[in-house]
Amino acid sequence: MRYRNFWMVAVLMIGALSLVILTNLARASVYEAETGSSEPAKVEPIEGTSLNRVTLTQKAAERLGVETAAVEDEEVGGAPAKVLPYSAVLYDANGDTWTYTNPEPLVFVRHKISIDRVDGASAILAEGPDVGTKVVTVGAAELIGTEFGVDED
């Protein structure tokens, strides 16, 4: 009697594990059918630089909720200045400042910036992307995680 219970539990465990595996395979197939890709993002080195180009699928961009805004030319203290939303600013481990530009749909490239000062929700730049350049204001942390990989341990 004891062995029969053991085998019933073993069969149930194998069945449950099989169900989990089949569910994950089905999800992967649906994702690939919806997006045309088996991966939500592609990271490619930009030749001649230490930077990468991060390309998301449409579905991945929607799931991250990526939003952008343009770098603007504003008069600050009587002089023209490049201004971007402070939410577009990222700091690396060395304290250097970056933003992700969006040069074409679903493509993102990290761009080094130098901040003159922060004024409320705006960062006034000493150096940065050209006026009109789209920068990521929502989803940048996820992009940096995608670019450099995230350790799941």
N, C-alpha and C. Protein backbone atom coordinates (compact mmCIF):
# COMPACT_ATOMS: atom_id res chain seq x y z
N MET A 1 0.82 -1.18 0.00
CA MET A 1 0.00 0.00 0.00
C MET A 1 0.87 1.26 0.00
N ARG A 2 1.93 1.22 0.78
CA ARG A 2 2.83 2.36 0.87
C ARG A 2 3.50 2.64 -0.48
N TYR A 3 3.88 1.61 -1.21
CA TYR A 3 4.54 1.79 -2.50
C TYR A 3 3.58 2.35 -3.54
N ARG A 4 2.30 1.96 -3.47
CA ARG A 4 1.32 2.45 -4.42
C ARG A 4 1.16 3.98 -4.25
N ASN A 5 1.13 4.48 -3.02
CA ASN A 5 1.04 5.92 -2.78
C ASN A 5 2.27 6.64 -3.33
N PHE A 6 3.43 6.02 -3.13
CA PHE A 6 4.68 6.60 -3.64
C PHE A 6 4.60 6.75 -5.16
N TRP A 7 4.16 5.71 -5.85
CA TRP A 7 4.10 5.74 -7.31
C TRP A 7 3.02 6.73 -7.79
N MET A 8 1.94 6.85 -7.06
CA MET A 8 0.90 7.81 -7.45
C MET A 8 1.43 9.24 -7.34
N VAL A 9 2.16 9.51 -6.25
CA VAL A 9 2.75 10.83 -6.08
C VAL A 9 3.78 11.09 -7.18
N ALA A 10 4.59 10.10 -7.50
CA ALA A 10 5.61 10.25 -8.55
C ALA A 10 4.95 10.54 -9.89
N VAL A 11 3.88 9.83 -10.22
CA VAL A 11 3.19 10.04 -11.49
C VAL A 11 2.58 11.44 -11.53
N LEU A 12 1.98 11.87 -10.42
CA LEU A 12 1.42 13.22 -10.36
C LEU A 12 2.50 14.29 -10.53
N MET A 13 3.66 14.10 -9.90
CA MET A 13 4.76 15.06 -10.02
C MET A 13 5.26 15.13 -11.46
N ILE A 14 5.41 13.99 -12.10
CA ILE A 14 5.87 13.96 -13.50
C ILE A 14 4.85 14.64 -14.39
N GLY A 15 3.57 14.39 -14.14
CA GLY A 15 2.52 15.04 -14.92
C GLY A 15 2.54 16.54 -14.75
N ALA A 16 2.70 17.01 -13.51
CA ALA A 16 2.74 18.45 -13.26
C ALA A 16 3.95 19.09 -13.93
N LEU A 17 5.10 18.44 -13.84
CA LEU A 17 6.31 18.95 -14.48
C LEU A 17 6.13 19.01 -15.99
N SER A 18 5.53 17.98 -16.57
CA SER A 18 5.28 17.97 -18.02
C SER A 18 4.36 19.11 -18.41
N LEU A 19 3.34 19.38 -17.60
CA LEU A 19 2.41 20.47 -17.87
C LEU A 19 3.12 21.82 -17.85
N VAL A 20 4.01 22.01 -16.88
CA VAL A 20 4.78 23.26 -16.80
C VAL A 20 5.66 23.42 -18.04
N ILE A 21 6.34 22.38 -18.43
CA ILE A 21 7.23 22.44 -19.60
C ILE A 21 6.42 22.75 -20.86
N LEU A 22 5.30 22.06 -21.05
CA LEU A 22 4.48 22.28 -22.25
C LEU A 22 3.89 23.69 -22.26
N THR A 23 3.50 24.20 -21.10
CA THR A 23 2.96 25.57 -21.01
C THR A 23 4.02 26.58 -21.42
N ASN A 24 5.25 26.41 -20.94
CA ASN A 24 6.33 27.33 -21.30
C ASN A 24 6.67 27.25 -22.78
N LEU A 25 6.65 26.05 -23.34
CA LEU A 25 6.90 25.90 -24.78
C LEU A 25 5.79 26.59 -25.58
N ALA A 26 4.55 26.44 -25.13
CA ALA A 26 3.44 27.08 -25.83
C ALA A 26 3.56 28.60 -25.75
N ARG A 27 3.93 29.13 -24.58
CA ARG A 27 4.10 30.58 -24.44
C ARG A 27 5.19 31.09 -25.37
N ALA A 28 6.30 30.35 -25.44
CA ALA A 28 7.40 30.75 -26.33
C ALA A 28 6.94 30.75 -27.78
N SER A 29 6.15 29.76 -28.16
CA SER A 29 5.66 29.69 -29.54
C SER A 29 4.72 30.85 -29.85
N VAL A 30 3.84 31.19 -28.91
CA VAL A 30 2.92 32.31 -29.09
C VAL A 30 3.72 33.60 -29.20
N TYR A 31 4.71 33.79 -28.32
CA TYR A 31 5.54 35.01 -28.35
C TYR A 31 6.23 35.12 -29.70
N GLU A 32 6.80 34.02 -30.17
CA GLU A 32 7.51 34.05 -31.45
C GLU A 32 6.53 34.35 -32.59
N ALA A 33 5.33 33.80 -32.53
CA ALA A 33 4.34 34.06 -33.57
C ALA A 33 3.89 35.52 -33.55
N GLU A 34 3.73 36.10 -32.35
CA GLU A 34 3.29 37.49 -32.22
C GLU A 34 4.37 38.48 -32.64
N THR A 35 5.61 38.16 -32.32
CA THR A 35 6.68 39.14 -32.52
C THR A 35 7.58 38.84 -33.71
N GLY A 36 7.54 37.62 -34.20
CA GLY A 36 8.44 37.24 -35.28
C GLY A 36 9.85 36.97 -34.80
N SER A 37 10.04 36.92 -33.49
CA SER A 37 11.36 36.70 -32.90
C SER A 37 11.22 35.83 -31.67
N SER A 38 12.24 35.04 -31.42
CA SER A 38 12.21 34.22 -30.21
C SER A 38 12.79 34.98 -29.02
N GLU A 39 13.41 36.12 -29.27
CA GLU A 39 13.99 36.96 -28.21
C GLU A 39 13.34 38.33 -28.21
N PRO A 40 13.06 38.89 -27.03
CA PRO A 40 12.43 40.21 -26.98
C PRO A 40 13.38 41.37 -27.31
N ALA A 41 14.69 41.11 -27.25
CA ALA A 41 15.66 42.18 -27.52
C ALA A 41 16.90 41.60 -28.17
N LYS A 42 17.54 42.46 -28.97
CA LYS A 42 18.81 42.09 -29.60
C LYS A 42 19.81 43.18 -29.24
N VAL A 43 21.00 42.78 -28.78
CA VAL A 43 22.05 43.73 -28.42
C VAL A 43 23.21 43.51 -29.38
N GLU A 44 23.58 44.59 -30.09
CA GLU A 44 24.65 44.51 -31.08
C GLU A 44 25.70 45.59 -30.79
N PRO A 45 26.97 45.22 -30.79
CA PRO A 45 28.02 46.23 -30.60
C PRO A 45 28.03 47.22 -31.76
N ILE A 46 28.31 48.48 -31.45
CA ILE A 46 28.45 49.50 -32.49
C ILE A 46 29.93 49.60 -32.82
N GLU A 47 30.26 49.24 -34.04
CA GLU A 47 31.65 49.16 -34.46
C GLU A 47 32.40 50.46 -34.20
N GLY A 48 33.60 50.34 -33.65
CA GLY A 48 34.45 51.49 -33.39
C GLY A 48 34.14 52.21 -32.08
N THR A 49 33.19 51.67 -31.30
CA THR A 49 32.85 52.29 -30.02
C THR A 49 32.74 51.20 -28.95
N SER A 50 32.55 51.62 -27.74
CA SER A 50 32.29 50.67 -26.65
C SER A 50 30.79 50.58 -26.36
N LEU A 51 29.99 51.14 -27.26
CA LEU A 51 28.54 51.17 -27.08
C LEU A 51 27.85 50.04 -27.82
N ASN A 52 26.60 49.81 -27.44
CA ASN A 52 25.77 48.80 -28.08
C ASN A 52 24.48 49.41 -28.58
N ARG A 53 23.91 48.77 -29.58
CA ARG A 53 22.60 49.12 -30.08
C ARG A 53 21.63 48.07 -29.53
N VAL A 54 20.59 48.53 -28.82
CA VAL A 54 19.58 47.64 -28.26
C VAL A 54 18.33 47.77 -29.12
N THR A 55 17.90 46.67 -29.72
CA THR A 55 16.71 46.67 -30.55
C THR A 55 15.66 45.79 -29.87
N LEU A 56 14.51 46.37 -29.60
CA LEU A 56 13.42 45.64 -28.96
C LEU A 56 12.38 45.23 -29.99
N THR A 57 11.66 44.16 -29.70
CA THR A 57 10.48 43.86 -30.49
C THR A 57 9.38 44.84 -30.07
N GLN A 58 8.37 45.00 -30.90
CA GLN A 58 7.27 45.89 -30.57
C GLN A 58 6.61 45.46 -29.26
N LYS A 59 6.43 44.17 -29.10
CA LYS A 59 5.78 43.64 -27.89
C LYS A 59 6.63 43.93 -26.65
N ALA A 60 7.96 43.79 -26.76
CA ALA A 60 8.85 44.08 -25.62
C ALA A 60 8.77 45.54 -25.24
N ALA A 61 8.77 46.43 -26.23
CA ALA A 61 8.68 47.87 -25.95
C ALA A 61 7.36 48.20 -25.25
N GLU A 62 6.28 47.55 -25.69
CA GLU A 62 4.98 47.77 -25.05
C GLU A 62 5.00 47.27 -23.60
N ARG A 63 5.58 46.10 -23.39
CA ARG A 63 5.62 45.54 -22.03
C ARG A 63 6.46 46.39 -21.10
N LEU A 64 7.53 46.99 -21.61
CA LEU A 64 8.37 47.88 -20.79
C LEU A 64 7.73 49.24 -20.60
N GLY A 65 6.78 49.57 -21.46
CA GLY A 65 6.14 50.89 -21.37
C GLY A 65 7.08 52.01 -21.76
N VAL A 66 7.95 51.76 -22.73
CA VAL A 66 8.95 52.74 -23.13
C VAL A 66 8.27 54.03 -23.61
N GLU A 67 8.74 55.15 -23.06
CA GLU A 67 8.28 56.48 -23.49
C GLU A 67 9.50 57.33 -23.78
N THR A 68 9.34 58.26 -24.71
CA THR A 68 10.44 59.15 -25.09
C THR A 68 9.99 60.61 -25.07
N ALA A 69 10.98 61.49 -25.05
CA ALA A 69 10.76 62.93 -25.19
C ALA A 69 11.96 63.47 -25.97
N ALA A 70 11.78 64.62 -26.58
CA ALA A 70 12.86 65.22 -27.37
C ALA A 70 13.72 66.14 -26.50
N VAL A 71 15.02 66.16 -26.80
CA VAL A 71 15.91 67.15 -26.19
C VAL A 71 15.45 68.50 -26.73
N GLU A 72 15.29 69.46 -25.84
CA GLU A 72 14.78 70.77 -26.25
C GLU A 72 15.83 71.85 -26.10
N ASP A 73 15.65 72.90 -26.87
CA ASP A 73 16.50 74.08 -26.79
C ASP A 73 15.71 75.13 -26.03
N GLU A 74 16.15 75.46 -24.82
CA GLU A 74 15.44 76.43 -24.01
C GLU A 74 16.39 77.53 -23.57
N GLU A 75 15.83 78.67 -23.27
CA GLU A 75 16.64 79.75 -22.74
C GLU A 75 16.75 79.57 -21.23
N VAL A 76 17.97 79.42 -20.76
CA VAL A 76 18.22 79.22 -19.33
C VAL A 76 19.24 80.26 -18.89
N GLY A 77 18.85 81.13 -17.99
CA GLY A 77 19.75 82.18 -17.52
C GLY A 77 20.16 83.12 -18.62
N GLY A 78 19.27 83.35 -19.59
CA GLY A 78 19.56 84.28 -20.68
C GLY A 78 20.36 83.68 -21.82
N ALA A 79 20.67 82.40 -21.75
CA ALA A 79 21.44 81.76 -22.82
C ALA A 79 20.74 80.48 -23.27
N PRO A 80 20.88 80.10 -24.55
CA PRO A 80 20.26 78.86 -25.02
C PRO A 80 20.97 77.64 -24.39
N ALA A 81 20.18 76.64 -24.08
CA ALA A 81 20.75 75.43 -23.48
C ALA A 81 19.94 74.21 -23.92
N LYS A 82 20.63 73.08 -23.98
CA LYS A 82 19.96 71.82 -24.26
C LYS A 82 19.35 71.33 -22.94
N VAL A 83 18.09 70.93 -23.00
CA VAL A 83 17.39 70.49 -21.81
C VAL A 83 16.67 69.17 -22.12
N LEU A 84 16.75 68.25 -21.18
CA LEU A 84 15.98 67.01 -21.30
C LEU A 84 15.34 66.69 -19.96
N PRO A 85 14.29 65.88 -19.98
CA PRO A 85 13.67 65.51 -18.70
C PRO A 85 14.67 64.77 -17.81
N TYR A 86 14.67 65.11 -16.54
CA TYR A 86 15.60 64.44 -15.61
C TYR A 86 15.34 62.94 -15.56
N SER A 87 14.11 62.52 -15.86
CA SER A 87 13.79 61.09 -15.87
C SER A 87 14.55 60.34 -16.96
N ALA A 88 15.16 61.04 -17.90
CA ALA A 88 15.94 60.42 -18.97
C ALA A 88 17.40 60.20 -18.58
N VAL A 89 17.78 60.66 -17.37
CA VAL A 89 19.18 60.58 -16.93
C VAL A 89 19.44 59.28 -16.18
N LEU A 90 20.53 58.61 -16.55
CA LEU A 90 20.99 57.40 -15.87
C LEU A 90 22.39 57.65 -15.32
N TYR A 91 22.66 57.06 -14.17
CA TYR A 91 24.00 57.15 -13.58
C TYR A 91 24.60 55.74 -13.58
N ASP A 92 25.87 55.63 -14.00
CA ASP A 92 26.51 54.32 -13.94
C ASP A 92 27.25 54.17 -12.61
N ALA A 93 27.92 53.04 -12.43
CA ALA A 93 28.60 52.74 -11.16
C ALA A 93 29.72 53.74 -10.85
N ASN A 94 30.24 54.41 -11.88
CA ASN A 94 31.31 55.40 -11.68
C ASN A 94 30.77 56.80 -11.47
N GLY A 95 29.45 56.96 -11.51
CA GLY A 95 28.84 58.27 -11.36
C GLY A 95 28.74 59.05 -12.66
N ASP A 96 29.12 58.42 -13.78
CA ASP A 96 28.99 59.07 -15.08
C ASP A 96 27.51 59.10 -15.47
N THR A 97 27.13 60.11 -16.25
CA THR A 97 25.74 60.28 -16.63
C THR A 97 25.51 59.90 -18.09
N TRP A 98 24.37 59.26 -18.33
CA TRP A 98 24.01 58.75 -19.64
C TRP A 98 22.54 58.96 -19.89
N THR A 99 22.15 58.86 -21.13
CA THR A 99 20.75 58.79 -21.52
C THR A 99 20.65 57.81 -22.68
N TYR A 100 19.49 57.24 -22.88
CA TYR A 100 19.29 56.39 -24.05
C TYR A 100 18.60 57.20 -25.13
N THR A 101 19.22 57.26 -26.31
CA THR A 101 18.58 57.92 -27.45
C THR A 101 17.76 56.88 -28.20
N ASN A 102 16.86 57.37 -29.02
CA ASN A 102 15.95 56.52 -29.80
C ASN A 102 16.05 56.96 -31.26
N PRO A 103 17.17 56.59 -31.94
CA PRO A 103 17.42 57.10 -33.29
C PRO A 103 16.45 56.60 -34.34
N GLU A 104 15.82 55.46 -34.10
CA GLU A 104 14.81 54.94 -35.01
C GLU A 104 13.86 54.08 -34.19
N PRO A 105 12.69 53.79 -34.72
CA PRO A 105 11.72 53.02 -33.93
C PRO A 105 12.31 51.72 -33.38
N LEU A 106 12.10 51.49 -32.08
CA LEU A 106 12.50 50.27 -31.37
C LEU A 106 14.01 50.10 -31.22
N VAL A 107 14.80 51.11 -31.57
CA VAL A 107 16.26 51.05 -31.46
C VAL A 107 16.70 52.09 -30.43
N PHE A 108 17.60 51.66 -29.52
CA PHE A 108 18.04 52.52 -28.43
C PHE A 108 19.55 52.43 -28.29
N VAL A 109 20.18 53.61 -28.10
CA VAL A 109 21.64 53.68 -27.98
C VAL A 109 21.97 54.58 -26.80
N ARG A 110 22.81 54.07 -25.90
CA ARG A 110 23.25 54.87 -24.76
C ARG A 110 24.13 56.03 -25.25
N HIS A 111 23.93 57.21 -24.67
CA HIS A 111 24.67 58.40 -25.08
C HIS A 111 25.18 59.09 -23.82
N LYS A 112 26.49 59.34 -23.76
CA LYS A 112 27.08 60.01 -22.60
C LYS A 112 26.63 61.47 -22.59
N ILE A 113 26.28 61.95 -21.39
CA ILE A 113 25.88 63.34 -21.25
C ILE A 113 26.65 63.97 -20.09
N SER A 114 26.71 65.27 -20.10
CA SER A 114 27.29 66.03 -19.00
C SER A 114 26.24 67.04 -18.56
N ILE A 115 25.89 66.97 -17.28
CA ILE A 115 24.84 67.84 -16.76
C ILE A 115 25.45 69.09 -16.14
N ASP A 116 24.95 70.24 -16.58
CA ASP A 116 25.36 71.51 -15.98
C ASP A 116 24.67 71.65 -14.62
N ARG A 117 23.36 71.43 -14.64
CA ARG A 117 22.61 71.45 -13.38
C ARG A 117 21.23 70.85 -13.60
N VAL A 118 20.59 70.55 -12.48
CA VAL A 118 19.23 70.02 -12.50
C VAL A 118 18.31 71.11 -11.97
N ASP A 119 17.24 71.36 -12.71
CA ASP A 119 16.28 72.38 -12.32
C ASP A 119 14.90 71.72 -12.31
N GLY A 120 14.46 71.31 -11.12
CA GLY A 120 13.17 70.62 -11.00
C GLY A 120 13.20 69.29 -11.74
N ALA A 121 12.31 69.14 -12.70
CA ALA A 121 12.21 67.89 -13.46
C ALA A 121 13.04 67.93 -14.74
N SER A 122 13.89 68.95 -14.89
CA SER A 122 14.70 69.11 -16.10
C SER A 122 16.19 69.04 -15.79
N ALA A 123 16.94 68.46 -16.71
CA ALA A 123 18.40 68.44 -16.63
C ALA A 123 18.91 69.38 -17.71
N ILE A 124 19.68 70.37 -17.31
CA ILE A 124 20.29 71.31 -18.25
C ILE A 124 21.66 70.73 -18.58
N LEU A 125 21.90 70.51 -19.86
CA LEU A 125 23.10 69.81 -20.29
C LEU A 125 24.25 70.75 -20.63
N ALA A 126 25.45 70.33 -20.24
CA ALA A 126 26.67 70.98 -20.71
C ALA A 126 27.06 70.31 -22.03
N GLU A 127 26.82 69.00 -22.11
CA GLU A 127 27.07 68.22 -23.34
C GLU A 127 26.02 67.14 -23.44
N GLY A 128 25.60 66.85 -24.66
CA GLY A 128 24.62 65.80 -24.85
C GLY A 128 24.14 65.72 -26.28
N PRO A 129 23.10 64.95 -26.49
CA PRO A 129 22.57 64.77 -27.85
C PRO A 129 22.04 66.08 -28.43
N ASP A 130 21.94 66.12 -29.73
CA ASP A 130 21.44 67.31 -30.42
C ASP A 130 19.98 67.59 -30.05
N VAL A 131 19.61 68.85 -30.15
CA VAL A 131 18.23 69.26 -29.95
C VAL A 131 17.35 68.48 -30.92
N GLY A 132 16.23 68.00 -30.42
CA GLY A 132 15.30 67.22 -31.25
C GLY A 132 15.50 65.72 -31.14
N THR A 133 16.64 65.29 -30.60
CA THR A 133 16.90 63.86 -30.43
C THR A 133 15.94 63.29 -29.40
N LYS A 134 15.32 62.16 -29.73
CA LYS A 134 14.44 61.50 -28.78
C LYS A 134 15.28 60.77 -27.74
N VAL A 135 14.90 60.92 -26.46
CA VAL A 135 15.56 60.21 -25.36
C VAL A 135 14.50 59.45 -24.56
N VAL A 136 14.91 58.36 -23.96
CA VAL A 136 13.98 57.51 -23.21
C VAL A 136 13.75 58.09 -21.83
N THR A 137 12.48 58.32 -21.49
CA THR A 137 12.11 58.86 -20.19
C THR A 137 11.50 57.80 -19.28
N VAL A 138 10.96 56.74 -19.86
CA VAL A 138 10.42 55.61 -19.11
C VAL A 138 10.95 54.33 -19.75
N GLY A 139 11.55 53.47 -18.94
CA GLY A 139 12.07 52.20 -19.44
C GLY A 139 13.58 52.15 -19.60
N ALA A 140 14.27 53.24 -19.26
CA ALA A 140 15.73 53.28 -19.44
C ALA A 140 16.45 52.29 -18.54
N ALA A 141 15.99 52.11 -17.32
CA ALA A 141 16.64 51.15 -16.41
C ALA A 141 16.55 49.74 -16.97
N GLU A 142 15.42 49.42 -17.59
CA GLU A 142 15.27 48.10 -18.20
C GLU A 142 16.18 47.95 -19.42
N LEU A 143 16.37 49.04 -20.16
CA LEU A 143 17.27 48.99 -21.31
C LEU A 143 18.71 48.75 -20.89
N ILE A 144 19.14 49.40 -19.81
CA ILE A 144 20.52 49.18 -19.36
C ILE A 144 20.68 47.75 -18.85
N GLY A 145 19.64 47.22 -18.21
CA GLY A 145 19.67 45.81 -17.79
C GLY A 145 19.74 44.88 -18.98
N THR A 146 19.05 45.22 -20.05
CA THR A 146 19.08 44.43 -21.27
C THR A 146 20.45 44.53 -21.93
N GLU A 147 20.99 45.74 -21.99
CA GLU A 147 22.29 45.94 -22.65
C GLU A 147 23.42 45.18 -21.96
N PHE A 148 23.43 45.23 -20.64
CA PHE A 148 24.54 44.64 -19.90
C PHE A 148 24.22 43.29 -19.28
N GLY A 149 22.97 42.88 -19.37
CA GLY A 149 22.57 41.61 -18.78
C GLY A 149 22.28 41.77 -17.31
N VAL A 150 21.34 41.00 -16.85
CA VAL A 150 20.95 41.04 -15.44
C VAL A 150 21.19 39.66 -14.87
N ASP A 151 21.95 39.60 -13.78
CA ASP A 151 22.24 38.35 -13.13
C ASP A 151 21.04 37.94 -12.28
N GLU A 152 20.53 36.74 -12.48
CA GLU A 152 19.34 36.30 -11.76
C GLU A 152 19.66 35.64 -10.44
N ASP A 153 20.91 35.55 -10.06
CA ASP A 153 21.27 34.90 -8.79
C ASP A 153 21.00 35.77 -7.60
